[in-house]
Every structure is written in C-alpha cells, then in structure tokens.
Amino acid sequence: MTAKLLVVDDEPRTAELTAEVLRRAGYSVDVAGSGSEALERVRSVSPDLMLLDYEMPDMEAPEVL
C-alpha cells in the first residue's frame, strides 16, 4: 500500500515541487494551499502524514495540527 501524504504550503511553487519529488519517490501526494484547505483535505483524503509550512496567512502549523 502506498503512503498518502499531504503537502501544505501557501507558496504554490514550493508545494508543487515538494509534491513532485515525493510522487517520484512513489508516494501518493495531495496538496493544500492553506491551513483551512488542509483541514478539508484531511477529512476527505485521510493522509498518513502531513508536511506543513509553519507560517501561512490563515493559520500556522500548530493550529492546523
């Protein structure tokens, strides 16, 4: 079974580059552009691991966690 990862970053280029590297390594990766979007994705995707940008405009990583 492939691990499901969620990359959360408000910088689209950083999020997509990170996601692409992880996909090439064989992971299933979803991307969210904000903390609130990450919470929505967690409910629908149920990732095994989240990689969070610490500082985002709507909420910081500890709030998301």
C-alpha atoms as a PDB file:
ATOM      1  CA  MET A   1       0.000   0.000   0.000  1.00  0.00           C
ATOM      2  CA  THR A   2       1.313   3.446  -0.941  1.00  0.00           C
ATOM      3  CA  ALA A   3       1.525   6.021   1.850  1.00  0.00           C
ATOM      4  CA  LYS A   4      -0.727   9.062   1.377  1.00  0.00           C
ATOM      5  CA  LEU A   5       0.952  12.400   2.047  1.00  0.00           C
ATOM      6  CA  LEU A   6      -0.484  15.894   2.262  1.00  0.00           C
ATOM      7  CA  VAL A   7       1.808  18.821   1.440  1.00  0.00           C
ATOM      8  CA  VAL A   8       0.552  22.117   2.872  1.00  0.00           C
ATOM      9  CA  ASP A   9       2.194  25.346   1.743  1.00  0.00           C
ATOM     10  CA  ASP A  10       0.860  28.765   0.764  1.00  0.00           C
ATOM     11  CA  GLU A  11       3.597  29.083  -1.889  1.00  0.00           C
ATOM     12  CA  PRO A  12       2.229  27.087  -4.860  1.00  0.00           C
ATOM     13  CA  ARG A  13       5.632  26.555  -6.468  1.00  0.00           C
ATOM     14  CA  THR A  14       7.133  25.151  -3.264  1.00  0.00           C
ATOM     15  CA  ALA A  15       4.128  22.891  -2.690  1.00  0.00           C
ATOM     16  CA  GLU A  16       4.159  21.508  -6.229  1.00  0.00           C
ATOM     17  CA  LEU A  17       7.933  20.955  -6.304  1.00  0.00           C
ATOM     18  CA  THR A  18       7.793  19.131  -2.980  1.00  0.00           C
ATOM     19  CA  ALA A  19       4.830  17.064  -4.148  1.00  0.00           C
ATOM     20  CA  GLU A  20       6.580  16.134  -7.403  1.00  0.00           C
ATOM     21  CA  VAL A  21       9.710  14.919  -5.600  1.00  0.00           C
ATOM     22  CA  LEU A  22       7.559  12.796  -3.285  1.00  0.00           C
ATOM     23  CA  ARG A  23       5.488  11.391  -6.165  1.00  0.00           C
ATOM     24  CA  ARG A  24       8.669  10.362  -7.957  1.00  0.00           C
ATOM     25  CA  ALA A  25       9.685   8.572  -4.769  1.00  0.00           C
ATOM     26  CA  GLY A  26       6.477   6.544  -5.007  1.00  0.00           C
ATOM     27  CA  TYR A  27       4.138   8.334  -2.617  1.00  0.00           C
ATOM     28  CA  SER A  28       0.544   9.334  -3.250  1.00  0.00           C
ATOM     29  CA  VAL A  29       0.538  13.107  -2.683  1.00  0.00           C
ATOM     30  CA  ASP A  30      -2.203  15.693  -2.326  1.00  0.00           C
ATOM     31  CA  VAL A  31      -1.552  19.440  -1.985  1.00  0.00           C
ATOM     32  CA  ALA A  32      -3.305  22.137   0.045  1.00  0.00           C
ATOM     33  CA  GLY A  33      -2.572  25.852  -0.177  1.00  0.00           C
ATOM     34  CA  SER A  34      -3.727  26.923   3.279  1.00  0.00           C
ATOM     35  CA  GLY A  35      -4.409  25.624   6.745  1.00  0.00           C
ATOM     36  CA  SER A  36      -8.170  25.639   6.266  1.00  0.00           C
ATOM     37  CA  GLU A  37      -7.820  23.786   2.956  1.00  0.00           C
ATOM     38  CA  ALA A  38      -5.562  21.253   4.711  1.00  0.00           C
ATOM     39  CA  LEU A  39      -8.268  20.555   7.285  1.00  0.00           C
ATOM     40  CA  GLU A  40     -10.778  19.912   4.485  1.00  0.00           C
ATOM     41  CA  ARG A  41      -8.341  17.552   2.739  1.00  0.00           C
ATOM     42  CA  VAL A  42      -7.632  15.656   5.968  1.00  0.00           C
ATOM     43  CA  ARG A  43     -11.328  14.880   6.256  1.00  0.00           C
ATOM     44  CA  SER A  44     -11.633  13.697   2.652  1.00  0.00           C
ATOM     45  CA  VAL A  45      -8.222  12.127   1.949  1.00  0.00           C
ATOM     46  CA  SER A  46      -7.142  10.897   5.411  1.00  0.00           C
ATOM     47  CA  PRO A  47      -3.391  11.239   4.799  1.00  0.00           C
ATOM     48  CA  ASP A  48      -0.823   9.147   6.628  1.00  0.00           C
ATOM     49  CA  LEU A  49       1.470  12.171   7.007  1.00  0.00           C
ATOM     50  CA  MET A  50       1.256  15.954   6.553  1.00  0.00           C
ATOM     51  CA  LEU A  51       4.185  18.173   5.632  1.00  0.00           C
ATOM     52  CA  LEU A  52       3.238  21.641   6.853  1.00  0.00           C
ATOM     53  CA  ASP A  53       4.653  25.056   6.126  1.00  0.00           C
ATOM     54  CA  TYR A  54       4.923  26.671   9.560  1.00  0.00           C
ATOM     55  CA  GLU A  55       3.765  30.194   8.689  1.00  0.00           C
ATOM     56  CA  MET A  56       0.689  30.567   6.494  1.00  0.00           C
ATOM     57  CA  PRO A  57      -1.704  33.506   6.174  1.00  0.00           C
ATOM     58  CA  ASP A  58      -4.843  31.924   7.605  1.00  0.00           C
ATOM     59  CA  MET A  59      -3.386  29.680  10.337  1.00  0.00           C
ATOM     60  CA  GLU A  60       0.022  28.419  11.368  1.00  0.00           C
ATOM     61  CA  ALA A  61       1.062  24.771  11.511  1.00  0.00           C
ATOM     62  CA  PRO A  62       0.325  24.273  15.264  1.00  0.00           C
ATOM     63  CA  GLU A  63      -3.253  25.473  14.716  1.00  0.00           C
ATOM     64  CA  VAL A  64      -3.716  23.009  11.869  1.00  0.00           C
ATOM     65  CA  LEU A  65      -2.362  20.178  13.987  1.00  0.00           C
END
